[in-house]
PDB file of all heavy atoms in Angstrom:
ATOM      1  N   ALA A   1       0.826  -1.205   0.000  1.00  0.00           N
ATOM      2  CA  ALA A   1       0.000   0.000   0.000  1.00  0.00           C
ATOM      3  C   ALA A   1       0.859   1.253   0.000  1.00  0.00           C
ATOM      4  O   ALA A   1       0.565   2.228  -0.707  1.00  0.00           O
ATOM      5  CB  ALA A   1      -0.928  -0.006   1.207  1.00  0.00           C
ATOM      6  N   ALA A   2       1.940   1.253   0.762  1.00  0.00           N
ATOM      7  CA  ALA A   2       2.828   2.417   0.818  1.00  0.00           C
ATOM      8  C   ALA A   2       3.577   2.603  -0.493  1.00  0.00           C
ATOM      9  O   ALA A   2       3.763   3.731  -0.965  1.00  0.00           O
ATOM     10  CB  ALA A   2       3.806   2.261   1.978  1.00  0.00           C
ATOM     11  N   GLU A   3       3.995   1.508  -1.090  1.00  0.00           N
ATOM     12  CA  GLU A   3       4.712   1.585  -2.367  1.00  0.00           C
ATOM     13  C   GLU A   3       3.825   2.159  -3.464  1.00  0.00           C
ATOM     14  O   GLU A   3       4.214   3.074  -4.207  1.00  0.00           O
ATOM     15  CB  GLU A   3       5.196   0.190  -2.761  1.00  0.00           C
ATOM     16  CG  GLU A   3       5.932   0.141  -4.095  1.00  0.00           C
ATOM     17  CD  GLU A   3       6.291  -1.281  -4.501  1.00  0.00           C
ATOM     18  OE1 GLU A   3       5.989  -2.227  -3.737  1.00  0.00           O
ATOM     19  OE2 GLU A   3       6.877  -1.454  -5.595  1.00  0.00           O
ATOM     20  N   VAL A   4       2.603   1.630  -3.580  1.00  0.00           N
ATOM     21  CA  VAL A   4       1.679   2.113  -4.603  1.00  0.00           C
ATOM     22  C   VAL A   4       1.248   3.550  -4.304  1.00  0.00           C
ATOM     23  O   VAL A   4       1.007   4.343  -5.218  1.00  0.00           O
ATOM     24  CB  VAL A   4       0.463   1.172  -4.701  1.00  0.00           C
ATOM     25  CG1 VAL A   4      -0.595   1.737  -5.645  1.00  0.00           C
ATOM     26  CG2 VAL A   4       0.910  -0.213  -5.178  1.00  0.00           C
ATOM     27  N   ALA A   5       1.170   3.897  -3.029  1.00  0.00           N
ATOM     28  CA  ALA A   5       0.745   5.244  -2.650  1.00  0.00           C
ATOM     29  C   ALA A   5       1.651   6.316  -3.245  1.00  0.00           C
ATOM     30  O   ALA A   5       1.182   7.389  -3.640  1.00  0.00           O
ATOM     31  CB  ALA A   5       0.715   5.372  -1.127  1.00  0.00           C
ATOM     32  N   VAL A   6       2.931   6.037  -3.325  1.00  0.00           N
ATOM     33  CA  VAL A   6       3.863   7.016  -3.895  1.00  0.00           C
ATOM     34  C   VAL A   6       3.509   7.284  -5.352  1.00  0.00           C
ATOM     35  O   VAL A   6       3.388   8.441  -5.785  1.00  0.00           O
ATOM     36  CB  VAL A   6       5.311   6.519  -3.753  1.00  0.00           C
ATOM     37  CG1 VAL A   6       6.272   7.467  -4.477  1.00  0.00           C
ATOM     38  CG2 VAL A   6       5.697   6.392  -2.286  1.00  0.00           C
ATOM     39  N   THR A   7       3.330   6.219  -6.122  1.00  0.00           N
ATOM     40  CA  THR A   7       2.961   6.380  -7.529  1.00  0.00           C
ATOM     41  C   THR A   7       1.601   7.044  -7.661  1.00  0.00           C
ATOM     42  O   THR A   7       1.400   7.919  -8.512  1.00  0.00           O
ATOM     43  CB  THR A   7       2.938   5.014  -8.236  1.00  0.00           C
ATOM     44  OG1 THR A   7       4.214   4.389  -8.093  1.00  0.00           O
ATOM     45  CG2 THR A   7       2.607   5.171  -9.711  1.00  0.00           C
ATOM     46  N   ALA A   8       0.655   6.623  -6.803  1.00  0.00           N
ATOM     47  CA  ALA A   8      -0.689   7.175  -6.869  1.00  0.00           C
ATOM     48  C   ALA A   8      -0.702   8.675  -6.616  1.00  0.00           C
ATOM     49  O   ALA A   8      -1.551   9.392  -7.147  1.00  0.00           O
ATOM     50  CB  ALA A   8      -1.593   6.469  -5.865  1.00  0.00           C
ATOM     51  N   ARG A   9       0.244   9.158  -5.810  1.00  0.00           N
ATOM     52  CA  ARG A   9       0.272  10.595  -5.519  1.00  0.00           C
ATOM     53  C   ARG A   9       1.021  11.399  -6.563  1.00  0.00           C
ATOM     54  O   ARG A   9       0.615  12.516  -6.905  1.00  0.00           O
ATOM     55  CB  ARG A   9       0.906  10.863  -4.136  1.00  0.00           C
ATOM     56  CG  ARG A   9       0.864  12.358  -3.780  1.00  0.00           C
ATOM     57  CD  ARG A   9      -0.580  12.839  -3.680  1.00  0.00           C
ATOM     58  NE  ARG A   9      -0.769  14.262  -3.871  1.00  0.00           N
ATOM     59  CZ  ARG A   9      -1.122  14.851  -5.009  1.00  0.00           C
ATOM     60  NH1 ARG A   9      -1.268  14.128  -6.119  1.00  0.00           N
ATOM     61  NH2 ARG A   9      -1.324  16.130  -5.085  1.00  0.00           N
ATOM     62  N   VAL A  10       2.122  10.886  -7.077  1.00  0.00           N
ATOM     63  CA  VAL A  10       2.974  11.733  -7.927  1.00  0.00           C
ATOM     64  C   VAL A  10       2.834  11.433  -9.415  1.00  0.00           C
ATOM     65  O   VAL A  10       3.574  11.998 -10.222  1.00  0.00           O
ATOM     66  CB  VAL A  10       4.461  11.640  -7.511  1.00  0.00           C
ATOM     67  CG1 VAL A  10       4.625  12.050  -6.065  1.00  0.00           C
ATOM     68  CG2 VAL A  10       5.031  10.237  -7.761  1.00  0.00           C
ATOM     69  N   GLN A  11       1.890  10.571  -9.803  1.00  0.00           N
ATOM     70  CA  GLN A  11       1.693  10.347 -11.232  1.00  0.00           C
ATOM     71  C   GLN A  11       1.449  11.694 -11.913  1.00  0.00           C
ATOM     72  O   GLN A  11       0.746  12.556 -11.389  1.00  0.00           O
ATOM     73  CB  GLN A  11       0.505   9.404 -11.456  1.00  0.00           C
ATOM     74  CG  GLN A  11      -0.809   9.897 -10.894  1.00  0.00           C
ATOM     75  CD  GLN A  11      -1.974   8.997 -11.256  1.00  0.00           C
ATOM     76  OE1 GLN A  11      -2.149   8.611 -12.410  1.00  0.00           O
ATOM     77  NE2 GLN A  11      -2.783   8.645 -10.258  1.00  0.00           N
ATOM     78  N   ASN A  12       2.060  11.867 -13.071  1.00  0.00           N
ATOM     79  CA  ASN A  12       1.895  13.113 -13.828  1.00  0.00           C
ATOM     80  C   ASN A  12       2.333  14.327 -13.009  1.00  0.00           C
ATOM     81  O   ASN A  12       1.724  15.383 -13.058  1.00  0.00           O
ATOM     82  CB  ASN A  12       0.442  13.276 -14.289  1.00  0.00           C
ATOM     83  CG  ASN A  12       0.325  14.139 -15.527  1.00  0.00           C
ATOM     84  OD1 ASN A  12       1.064  13.984 -16.486  1.00  0.00           O
ATOM     85  ND2 ASN A  12      -0.614  15.077 -15.506  1.00  0.00           N
ATOM     86  N   ASN A  13       3.410  14.154 -12.223  1.00  0.00           N
ATOM     87  CA  ASN A  13       3.925  15.209 -11.340  1.00  0.00           C
ATOM     88  C   ASN A  13       2.893  15.636 -10.289  1.00  0.00           C
ATOM     89  O   ASN A  13       2.927  16.767  -9.794  1.00  0.00           O
ATOM     90  CB  ASN A  13       4.382  16.433 -12.145  1.00  0.00           C
ATOM     91  CG  ASN A  13       5.469  16.092 -13.140  1.00  0.00           C
ATOM     92  OD1 ASN A  13       6.160  15.085 -12.997  1.00  0.00           O
ATOM     93  ND2 ASN A  13       5.643  16.920 -14.150  1.00  0.00           N
ATOM     94  N   GLY A  14       1.970  14.733  -9.974  1.00  0.00           N
ATOM     95  CA  GLY A  14       0.938  15.038  -8.992  1.00  0.00           C
ATOM     96  C   GLY A  14      -0.226  15.823  -9.549  1.00  0.00           C
ATOM     97  O   GLY A  14      -1.141  16.191  -8.813  1.00  0.00           O
ATOM     98  N   GLN A  15      -0.213  16.088 -10.855  1.00  0.00           N
ATOM     99  CA  GLN A  15      -1.228  16.923 -11.493  1.00  0.00           C
ATOM    100  C   GLN A  15      -2.259  16.048 -12.195  1.00  0.00           C
ATOM    101  O   GLN A  15      -2.356  16.026 -13.417  1.00  0.00           O
ATOM    102  CB  GLN A  15      -0.565  17.878 -12.479  1.00  0.00           C
ATOM    103  CG  GLN A  15       0.450  18.806 -11.826  1.00  0.00           C
ATOM    104  CD  GLN A  15       1.321  19.503 -12.837  1.00  0.00           C
ATOM    105  OE1 GLN A  15       1.372  20.711 -12.916  1.00  0.00           O
ATOM    106  NE2 GLN A  15       2.040  18.734 -13.619  1.00  0.00           N
ATOM    107  N   SER A  16      -3.019  15.312 -11.412  1.00  0.00           N
ATOM    108  CA  SER A  16      -4.046  14.438 -11.950  1.00  0.00           C
ATOM    109  C   SER A  16      -5.265  14.514 -11.052  1.00  0.00           C
ATOM    110  O   SER A  16      -5.137  14.440  -9.821  1.00  0.00           O
ATOM    111  CB  SER A  16      -3.540  12.989 -12.021  1.00  0.00           C
ATOM    112  OG  SER A  16      -4.592  12.108 -12.347  1.00  0.00           O
ATOM    113  N   CYS A  17      -6.436  14.646 -11.662  1.00  0.00           N
ATOM    114  CA  CYS A  17      -7.661  14.708 -10.863  1.00  0.00           C
ATOM    115  C   CYS A  17      -7.879  13.415 -10.087  1.00  0.00           C
ATOM    116  O   CYS A  17      -8.458  13.428  -8.999  1.00  0.00           O
ATOM    117  CB  CYS A  17      -8.865  14.982 -11.768  1.00  0.00           C
ATOM    118  SG  CYS A  17      -8.830  16.611 -12.548  1.00  0.00           S
ATOM    119  N   ILE A  18      -7.432  12.286 -10.633  1.00  0.00           N
ATOM    120  CA  ILE A  18      -7.665  11.007  -9.970  1.00  0.00           C
ATOM    121  C   ILE A  18      -6.471  10.553  -9.145  1.00  0.00           C
ATOM    122  O   ILE A  18      -6.465   9.432  -8.631  1.00  0.00           O
ATOM    123  CB  ILE A  18      -8.038   9.895 -10.985  1.00  0.00           C
ATOM    124  CG1 ILE A  18      -6.935   9.718 -12.038  1.00  0.00           C
ATOM    125  CG2 ILE A  18      -9.382  10.170 -11.612  1.00  0.00           C
ATOM    126  CD1 ILE A  18      -7.135   8.505 -12.924  1.00  0.00           C
ATOM    127  N   ALA A  19      -5.467  11.398  -8.989  1.00  0.00           N
ATOM    128  CA  ALA A  19      -4.359  11.050  -8.106  1.00  0.00           C
ATOM    129  C   ALA A  19      -4.858  10.988  -6.665  1.00  0.00           C
ATOM    130  O   ALA A  19      -5.690  11.800  -6.247  1.00  0.00           O
ATOM    131  CB  ALA A  19      -3.249  12.086  -8.223  1.00  0.00           C
ATOM    132  N   ALA A  20      -4.357  10.019  -5.902  1.00  0.00           N
ATOM    133  CA  ALA A  20      -4.668   9.986  -4.480  1.00  0.00           C
ATOM    134  C   ALA A  20      -4.044  11.209  -3.823  1.00  0.00           C
ATOM    135  O   ALA A  20      -2.880  11.538  -4.073  1.00  0.00           O
ATOM    136  CB  ALA A  20      -4.118   8.703  -3.863  1.00  0.00           C
ATOM    137  N   LYS A  21      -4.818  11.891  -2.993  1.00  0.00           N
ATOM    138  CA  LYS A  21      -4.321  13.133  -2.382  1.00  0.00           C
ATOM    139  C   LYS A  21      -4.425  13.119  -0.863  1.00  0.00           C
ATOM    140  O   LYS A  21      -3.629  13.744  -0.178  1.00  0.00           O
ATOM    141  CB  LYS A  21      -5.087  14.332  -2.952  1.00  0.00           C
ATOM    142  CG  LYS A  21      -4.940  14.474  -4.471  1.00  0.00           C
ATOM    143  CD  LYS A  21      -5.644  15.707  -4.998  1.00  0.00           C
ATOM    144  CE  LYS A  21      -5.415  15.882  -6.498  1.00  0.00           C
ATOM    145  NZ  LYS A  21      -6.246  14.998  -7.319  1.00  0.00           N
ATOM    146  N   ARG A  22      -5.422  12.411  -0.333  1.00  0.00           N
ATOM    147  CA  ARG A  22      -5.629  12.360   1.122  1.00  0.00           C
ATOM    148  C   ARG A  22      -5.473  10.912   1.577  1.00  0.00           C
ATOM    149  O   ARG A  22      -6.263  10.057   1.200  1.00  0.00           O
ATOM    150  CB  ARG A  22      -7.014  12.906   1.469  1.00  0.00           C
ATOM    151  CG  ARG A  22      -7.196  14.376   1.070  1.00  0.00           C
ATOM    152  CD  ARG A  22      -8.612  14.862   1.357  1.00  0.00           C
ATOM    153  NE  ARG A  22      -9.592  14.089   0.603  1.00  0.00           N
ATOM    154  CZ  ARG A  22     -10.676  13.535   1.133  1.00  0.00           C
ATOM    155  NH1 ARG A  22     -10.913  13.628   2.430  1.00  0.00           N
ATOM    156  NH2 ARG A  22     -11.528  12.875   0.367  1.00  0.00           N
ATOM    157  N   PHE A  23      -4.460  10.663   2.373  1.00  0.00           N
ATOM    158  CA  PHE A  23      -4.119   9.305   2.789  1.00  0.00           C
ATOM    159  C   PHE A  23      -4.661   9.090   4.210  1.00  0.00           C
ATOM    160  O   PHE A  23      -4.176   9.682   5.172  1.00  0.00           O
ATOM    161  CB  PHE A  23      -2.612   9.086   2.689  1.00  0.00           C
ATOM    162  CG  PHE A  23      -2.143   9.179   1.271  1.00  0.00           C
ATOM    163  CD1 PHE A  23      -1.908  10.416   0.679  1.00  0.00           C
ATOM    164  CD2 PHE A  23      -1.999   8.043   0.487  1.00  0.00           C
ATOM    165  CE1 PHE A  23      -1.522  10.515  -0.652  1.00  0.00           C
ATOM    166  CE2 PHE A  23      -1.616   8.128  -0.840  1.00  0.00           C
ATOM    167  CZ  PHE A  23      -1.378   9.370  -1.416  1.00  0.00           C
ATOM    168  N   ILE A  24      -5.703   8.285   4.297  1.00  0.00           N
ATOM    169  CA  ILE A  24      -6.467   8.086   5.521  1.00  0.00           C
ATOM    170  C   ILE A  24      -6.112   6.700   6.054  1.00  0.00           C
ATOM    171  O   ILE A  24      -6.485   5.678   5.461  1.00  0.00           O
ATOM    172  CB  ILE A  24      -7.966   8.224   5.234  1.00  0.00           C
ATOM    173  CG1 ILE A  24      -8.257   9.631   4.678  1.00  0.00           C
ATOM    174  CG2 ILE A  24      -8.788   7.926   6.473  1.00  0.00           C
ATOM    175  CD1 ILE A  24      -9.649   9.792   4.097  1.00  0.00           C
ATOM    176  N   VAL A  25      -5.395   6.663   7.164  1.00  0.00           N
ATOM    177  CA  VAL A  25      -4.749   5.423   7.604  1.00  0.00           C
ATOM    178  C   VAL A  25      -5.227   5.062   9.011  1.00  0.00           C
ATOM    179  O   VAL A  25      -5.217   5.899   9.929  1.00  0.00           O
ATOM    180  CB  VAL A  25      -3.219   5.568   7.580  1.00  0.00           C
ATOM    181  CG1 VAL A  25      -2.563   4.221   7.870  1.00  0.00           C
ATOM    182  CG2 VAL A  25      -2.749   6.115   6.231  1.00  0.00           C
ATOM    183  N   HIS A  26      -5.640   3.808   9.174  1.00  0.00           N
ATOM    184  CA  HIS A  26      -6.080   3.335  10.489  1.00  0.00           C
ATOM    185  C   HIS A  26      -4.912   3.396  11.469  1.00  0.00           C
ATOM    186  O   HIS A  26      -3.763   3.115  11.122  1.00  0.00           O
ATOM    187  CB  HIS A  26      -6.601   1.903  10.371  1.00  0.00           C
ATOM    188  CG  HIS A  26      -7.363   1.446  11.568  1.00  0.00           C
ATOM    189  ND1 HIS A  26      -6.739   1.019  12.721  1.00  0.00           N
ATOM    190  CD2 HIS A  26      -8.710   1.351  11.815  1.00  0.00           C
ATOM    191  CE1 HIS A  26      -7.657   0.669  13.606  1.00  0.00           C
ATOM    192  NE2 HIS A  26      -8.858   0.873  13.085  1.00  0.00           N
ATOM    193  N   ALA A  27      -5.243   3.736  12.725  1.00  0.00           N
ATOM    194  CA  ALA A  27      -4.211   3.903  13.750  1.00  0.00           C
ATOM    195  C   ALA A  27      -3.340   2.663  13.924  1.00  0.00           C
ATOM    196  O   ALA A  27      -2.144   2.772  14.238  1.00  0.00           O
ATOM    197  CB  ALA A  27      -4.871   4.268  15.082  1.00  0.00           C
ATOM    198  N   ASP A  28      -3.907   1.481  13.701  1.00  0.00           N
ATOM    199  CA  ASP A  28      -3.141   0.245  13.905  1.00  0.00           C
ATOM    200  C   ASP A  28      -1.959   0.129  12.950  1.00  0.00           C
ATOM    201  O   ASP A  28      -0.988  -0.587  13.260  1.00  0.00           O
ATOM    202  CB  ASP A  28      -4.052  -0.970  13.734  1.00  0.00           C
ATOM    203  CG  ASP A  28      -5.062  -1.118  14.859  1.00  0.00           C
ATOM    204  OD1 ASP A  28      -4.979  -0.338  15.830  1.00  0.00           O
ATOM    205  OD2 ASP A  28      -5.942  -2.001  14.765  1.00  0.00           O
ATOM    206  N   VAL A  29      -2.058   0.761  11.785  1.00  0.00           N
ATOM    207  CA  VAL A  29      -0.974   0.637  10.799  1.00  0.00           C
ATOM    208  C   VAL A  29      -0.439   2.015  10.384  1.00  0.00           C
ATOM    209  O   VAL A  29       0.373   2.117   9.460  1.00  0.00           O
ATOM    210  CB  VAL A  29      -1.454  -0.132   9.539  1.00  0.00           C
ATOM    211  CG1 VAL A  29      -1.719  -1.592   9.880  1.00  0.00           C
ATOM    212  CG2 VAL A  29      -2.695   0.506   8.934  1.00  0.00           C
ATOM    213  N   TYR A  30      -0.864   3.058  11.085  1.00  0.00           N
ATOM    214  CA  TYR A  30      -0.498   4.425  10.693  1.00  0.00           C
ATOM    215  C   TYR A  30       1.016   4.637  10.693  1.00  0.00           C
ATOM    216  O   TYR A  30       1.585   5.140   9.718  1.00  0.00           O
ATOM    217  CB  TYR A  30      -1.162   5.425  11.633  1.00  0.00           C
ATOM    218  CG  TYR A  30      -0.808   6.862  11.335  1.00  0.00           C
ATOM    219  CD1 TYR A  30      -1.547   7.614  10.431  1.00  0.00           C
ATOM    220  CD2 TYR A  30       0.262   7.480  11.977  1.00  0.00           C
ATOM    221  CE1 TYR A  30      -1.234   8.937  10.156  1.00  0.00           C
ATOM    222  CE2 TYR A  30       0.586   8.802  11.721  1.00  0.00           C
ATOM    223  CZ  TYR A  30      -0.151   9.525  10.809  1.00  0.00           C
ATOM    224  OH  TYR A  30       0.183  10.830  10.545  1.00  0.00           O
ATOM    225  N   ASP A  31       1.677   4.283  11.764  1.00  0.00           N
ATOM    226  CA  ASP A  31       3.122   4.544  11.858  1.00  0.00           C
ATOM    227  C   ASP A  31       3.898   3.785  10.789  1.00  0.00           C
ATOM    228  O   ASP A  31       4.788   4.347  10.135  1.00  0.00           O
ATOM    229  CB  ASP A  31       3.636   4.168  13.251  1.00  0.00           C
ATOM    230  CG  ASP A  31       3.133   5.115  14.324  1.00  0.00           C
ATOM    231  OD1 ASP A  31       2.754   6.261  13.979  1.00  0.00           O
ATOM    232  OD2 ASP A  31       3.107   4.715  15.507  1.00  0.00           O
ATOM    233  N   ALA A  32       3.563   2.507  10.601  1.00  0.00           N
ATOM    234  CA  ALA A  32       4.280   1.699   9.613  1.00  0.00           C
ATOM    235  C   ALA A  32       4.062   2.242   8.205  1.00  0.00           C
ATOM    236  O   ALA A  32       5.006   2.359   7.411  1.00  0.00           O
ATOM    237  CB  ALA A  32       3.839   0.241   9.696  1.00  0.00           C
TER     238      ALA A  32
END
């Protein structure tokens, strides 16, 4: 999830309407 998150955010230099922008993470796995 963390690996894909990087690509999901910066695809097209981050200039994409469908790029992930808000990463909402459960407390159990937030730090990791």
